[in-house]
Amino acid sequence: MKNIDFGEITCAEFLQELSTSSSEDAGVVLMWIDGYLSGVSGDTSLNWKDLEKFSTNLVAYCGKKPDEKVLDAAEAVGIAE
């Protein structure tokens, strides 16, 4: 897997990256995004079910808005409460 500039990558590029990554690498990417959102929100807990739901929702959202920056999409989807 190559370096990813999450501040620049679009949803389309993000989905392409996920589709060509191993499940382990995809998990690392999604955990990084979760960590980013935790830093933004101040949330220090990790809920596995919420992370799974967030990941599914982020992929669906990005499929509908391929030109949006992935971090903007992640913030729009948010972590389920």
N, C-alpha and C. Protein backbone atom coordinates (compact mmCIF):
# COMPACT_ATOMS: atom_id res chain seq x y z
N MET A 1 0.86 -1.17 0.00
CA MET A 1 0.00 0.00 0.00
C MET A 1 0.90 1.23 0.00
N LYS A 2 0.51 2.21 -0.77
CA LYS A 2 1.28 3.46 -0.85
C LYS A 2 0.80 4.45 0.20
N ASN A 3 1.56 5.53 0.37
CA ASN A 3 1.14 6.59 1.29
C ASN A 3 -0.13 7.24 0.79
N ILE A 4 -0.98 7.66 1.71
CA ILE A 4 -2.25 8.29 1.37
C ILE A 4 -2.30 9.66 2.03
N ASP A 5 -2.59 10.69 1.26
CA ASP A 5 -2.82 12.02 1.81
C ASP A 5 -4.32 12.17 2.00
N PHE A 6 -4.80 11.87 3.19
CA PHE A 6 -6.23 11.88 3.45
C PHE A 6 -6.86 13.26 3.27
N GLY A 7 -6.06 14.31 3.35
CA GLY A 7 -6.59 15.65 3.14
C GLY A 7 -6.88 15.96 1.69
N GLU A 8 -6.34 15.15 0.79
CA GLU A 8 -6.50 15.40 -0.64
C GLU A 8 -7.31 14.33 -1.38
N ILE A 9 -7.36 13.13 -0.84
CA ILE A 9 -7.97 12.01 -1.55
C ILE A 9 -9.49 12.17 -1.63
N THR A 10 -10.03 11.90 -2.82
CA THR A 10 -11.48 11.97 -3.01
C THR A 10 -12.10 10.63 -2.63
N CYS A 11 -13.40 10.63 -2.53
CA CYS A 11 -14.12 9.39 -2.26
C CYS A 11 -13.84 8.34 -3.33
N ALA A 12 -13.81 8.75 -4.60
CA ALA A 12 -13.54 7.80 -5.68
C ALA A 12 -12.16 7.17 -5.51
N GLU A 13 -11.17 7.98 -5.17
CA GLU A 13 -9.81 7.46 -4.96
C GLU A 13 -9.77 6.56 -3.73
N PHE A 14 -10.49 6.94 -2.70
CA PHE A 14 -10.58 6.14 -1.48
C PHE A 14 -11.18 4.76 -1.78
N LEU A 15 -12.28 4.74 -2.52
CA LEU A 15 -12.92 3.47 -2.86
C LEU A 15 -12.02 2.62 -3.73
N GLN A 16 -11.30 3.25 -4.66
CA GLN A 16 -10.35 2.52 -5.50
C GLN A 16 -9.25 1.91 -4.63
N GLU A 17 -8.75 2.68 -3.69
CA GLU A 17 -7.70 2.20 -2.79
C GLU A 17 -8.21 1.01 -1.97
N LEU A 18 -9.42 1.10 -1.45
CA LEU A 18 -9.98 -0.01 -0.68
C LEU A 18 -10.15 -1.25 -1.53
N SER A 19 -10.58 -1.07 -2.78
CA SER A 19 -10.85 -2.22 -3.65
C SER A 19 -9.59 -2.98 -4.03
N THR A 20 -8.44 -2.32 -3.97
CA THR A 20 -7.18 -2.98 -4.35
C THR A 20 -6.33 -3.34 -3.13
N SER A 21 -6.85 -3.12 -1.94
CA SER A 21 -6.11 -3.38 -0.71
C SER A 21 -6.53 -4.71 -0.10
N SER A 22 -5.64 -5.28 0.67
CA SER A 22 -6.00 -6.46 1.45
C SER A 22 -6.99 -6.03 2.54
N SER A 23 -7.67 -7.00 3.11
CA SER A 23 -8.62 -6.65 4.18
C SER A 23 -7.89 -6.05 5.37
N GLU A 24 -6.66 -6.49 5.62
CA GLU A 24 -5.89 -5.92 6.72
C GLU A 24 -5.54 -4.46 6.45
N ASP A 25 -5.09 -4.16 5.23
CA ASP A 25 -4.76 -2.78 4.87
C ASP A 25 -6.00 -1.89 4.89
N ALA A 26 -7.12 -2.42 4.39
CA ALA A 26 -8.37 -1.65 4.42
C ALA A 26 -8.77 -1.34 5.86
N GLY A 27 -8.58 -2.31 6.75
CA GLY A 27 -8.88 -2.09 8.16
C GLY A 27 -8.01 -1.01 8.77
N VAL A 28 -6.74 -0.98 8.39
CA VAL A 28 -5.83 0.06 8.89
C VAL A 28 -6.31 1.43 8.43
N VAL A 29 -6.70 1.54 7.17
CA VAL A 29 -7.18 2.82 6.62
C VAL A 29 -8.42 3.28 7.38
N LEU A 30 -9.36 2.38 7.59
CA LEU A 30 -10.59 2.75 8.28
C LEU A 30 -10.32 3.09 9.75
N MET A 31 -9.38 2.40 10.37
CA MET A 31 -9.02 2.75 11.75
C MET A 31 -8.35 4.13 11.81
N TRP A 32 -7.55 4.47 10.79
CA TRP A 32 -6.93 5.79 10.75
C TRP A 32 -8.01 6.87 10.69
N ILE A 33 -9.00 6.65 9.82
CA ILE A 33 -10.08 7.63 9.70
C ILE A 33 -10.85 7.74 11.01
N ASP A 34 -11.10 6.60 11.66
CA ASP A 34 -11.77 6.62 12.96
C ASP A 34 -10.95 7.43 13.97
N GLY A 35 -9.65 7.23 13.96
CA GLY A 35 -8.78 7.98 14.86
C GLY A 35 -8.80 9.47 14.57
N TYR A 36 -8.83 9.81 13.30
CA TYR A 36 -8.92 11.22 12.91
C TYR A 36 -10.20 11.84 13.47
N LEU A 37 -11.32 11.15 13.27
CA LEU A 37 -12.60 11.68 13.77
C LEU A 37 -12.60 11.76 15.29
N SER A 38 -11.96 10.80 15.95
CA SER A 38 -11.87 10.85 17.41
C SER A 38 -11.08 12.06 17.86
N GLY A 39 -10.03 12.39 17.12
CA GLY A 39 -9.26 13.59 17.44
C GLY A 39 -10.06 14.86 17.27
N VAL A 40 -10.89 14.88 16.23
CA VAL A 40 -11.73 16.05 15.97
C VAL A 40 -12.80 16.19 17.05
N SER A 41 -13.41 15.06 17.42
CA SER A 41 -14.55 15.10 18.35
C SER A 41 -14.13 15.02 19.82
N GLY A 42 -12.94 14.50 20.08
CA GLY A 42 -12.52 14.30 21.47
C GLY A 42 -12.99 12.98 22.06
N ASP A 43 -13.65 12.16 21.25
CA ASP A 43 -14.13 10.85 21.71
C ASP A 43 -12.94 9.91 21.84
N THR A 44 -12.76 9.31 23.00
CA THR A 44 -11.61 8.44 23.23
C THR A 44 -11.98 6.96 23.30
N SER A 45 -13.22 6.61 23.01
CA SER A 45 -13.64 5.21 23.08
C SER A 45 -13.71 4.60 21.68
N LEU A 46 -13.57 3.28 21.64
CA LEU A 46 -13.69 2.53 20.39
C LEU A 46 -14.79 1.51 20.57
N ASN A 47 -15.82 1.61 19.76
CA ASN A 47 -16.93 0.67 19.78
C ASN A 47 -16.89 -0.07 18.44
N TRP A 48 -16.61 -1.37 18.47
CA TRP A 48 -16.42 -2.13 17.24
C TRP A 48 -17.67 -2.13 16.36
N LYS A 49 -18.85 -2.26 16.95
CA LYS A 49 -20.08 -2.26 16.15
C LYS A 49 -20.28 -0.91 15.47
N ASP A 50 -19.99 0.17 16.19
CA ASP A 50 -20.12 1.50 15.60
C ASP A 50 -19.11 1.70 14.48
N LEU A 51 -17.90 1.17 14.66
CA LEU A 51 -16.88 1.29 13.61
C LEU A 51 -17.31 0.54 12.36
N GLU A 52 -17.88 -0.63 12.53
CA GLU A 52 -18.36 -1.41 11.38
C GLU A 52 -19.48 -0.66 10.65
N LYS A 53 -20.41 -0.12 11.42
CA LYS A 53 -21.52 0.64 10.82
C LYS A 53 -21.00 1.89 10.12
N PHE A 54 -20.07 2.59 10.76
CA PHE A 54 -19.47 3.78 10.16
C PHE A 54 -18.79 3.43 8.85
N SER A 55 -18.02 2.35 8.84
CA SER A 55 -17.30 1.94 7.63
C SER A 55 -18.26 1.65 6.49
N THR A 56 -19.32 0.92 6.78
CA THR A 56 -20.33 0.61 5.76
C THR A 56 -20.98 1.88 5.25
N ASN A 57 -21.33 2.79 6.16
CA ASN A 57 -21.97 4.05 5.76
C ASN A 57 -21.03 4.94 4.96
N LEU A 58 -19.75 4.95 5.33
CA LEU A 58 -18.78 5.77 4.60
C LEU A 58 -18.62 5.27 3.17
N VAL A 59 -18.52 3.97 2.98
CA VAL A 59 -18.39 3.40 1.64
C VAL A 59 -19.63 3.73 0.81
N ALA A 60 -20.81 3.59 1.39
CA ALA A 60 -22.05 3.91 0.67
C ALA A 60 -22.11 5.39 0.31
N TYR A 61 -21.76 6.25 1.25
CA TYR A 61 -21.77 7.71 1.02
C TYR A 61 -20.79 8.07 -0.09
N CYS A 62 -19.59 7.50 -0.02
CA CYS A 62 -18.58 7.80 -1.04
C CYS A 62 -19.01 7.31 -2.42
N GLY A 63 -19.75 6.21 -2.46
CA GLY A 63 -20.26 5.72 -3.73
C GLY A 63 -21.22 6.70 -4.39
N LYS A 64 -21.93 7.46 -3.57
CA LYS A 64 -22.89 8.45 -4.08
C LYS A 64 -22.24 9.80 -4.36
N LYS A 65 -21.10 10.08 -3.72
CA LYS A 65 -20.44 11.39 -3.87
C LYS A 65 -18.95 11.19 -4.14
N PRO A 66 -18.61 10.65 -5.31
CA PRO A 66 -17.22 10.30 -5.59
C PRO A 66 -16.25 11.47 -5.63
N ASP A 67 -16.72 12.67 -5.88
CA ASP A 67 -15.82 13.83 -5.98
C ASP A 67 -15.56 14.51 -4.63
N GLU A 68 -16.28 14.10 -3.60
CA GLU A 68 -16.10 14.71 -2.27
C GLU A 68 -14.80 14.20 -1.64
N LYS A 69 -14.14 15.05 -0.88
CA LYS A 69 -12.94 14.63 -0.14
C LYS A 69 -13.36 13.61 0.91
N VAL A 70 -12.56 12.57 1.07
CA VAL A 70 -12.95 11.48 1.96
C VAL A 70 -13.07 11.94 3.42
N LEU A 71 -12.24 12.87 3.86
CA LEU A 71 -12.38 13.34 5.24
C LEU A 71 -13.65 14.14 5.43
N ASP A 72 -14.06 14.89 4.41
CA ASP A 72 -15.35 15.59 4.49
C ASP A 72 -16.48 14.58 4.55
N ALA A 73 -16.37 13.52 3.75
CA ALA A 73 -17.39 12.47 3.78
C ALA A 73 -17.43 11.79 5.14
N ALA A 74 -16.26 11.52 5.70
CA ALA A 74 -16.20 10.87 7.02
C ALA A 74 -16.85 11.74 8.09
N GLU A 75 -16.60 13.03 8.03
CA GLU A 75 -17.22 13.94 9.01
C GLU A 75 -18.73 14.02 8.80
N ALA A 76 -19.18 13.95 7.53
CA ALA A 76 -20.61 13.99 7.25
C ALA A 76 -21.31 12.73 7.76
N VAL A 77 -20.66 11.59 7.59
CA VAL A 77 -21.25 10.32 8.04
C VAL A 77 -21.16 10.22 9.55
N GLY A 78 -20.02 10.60 10.11
CA GLY A 78 -19.82 10.56 11.56
C GLY A 78 -19.82 9.16 12.11
N ILE A 79 -19.51 9.06 13.36
CA ILE A 79 -19.55 7.78 14.06
C ILE A 79 -20.93 7.63 14.69
N ALA A 80 -21.52 6.45 14.50
CA ALA A 80 -22.85 6.19 15.07
C ALA A 80 -22.78 6.30 16.59
N GLU A 81 -23.84 6.78 17.16
CA GLU A 81 -23.88 6.93 18.62
C GLU A 81 -24.58 5.76 19.26
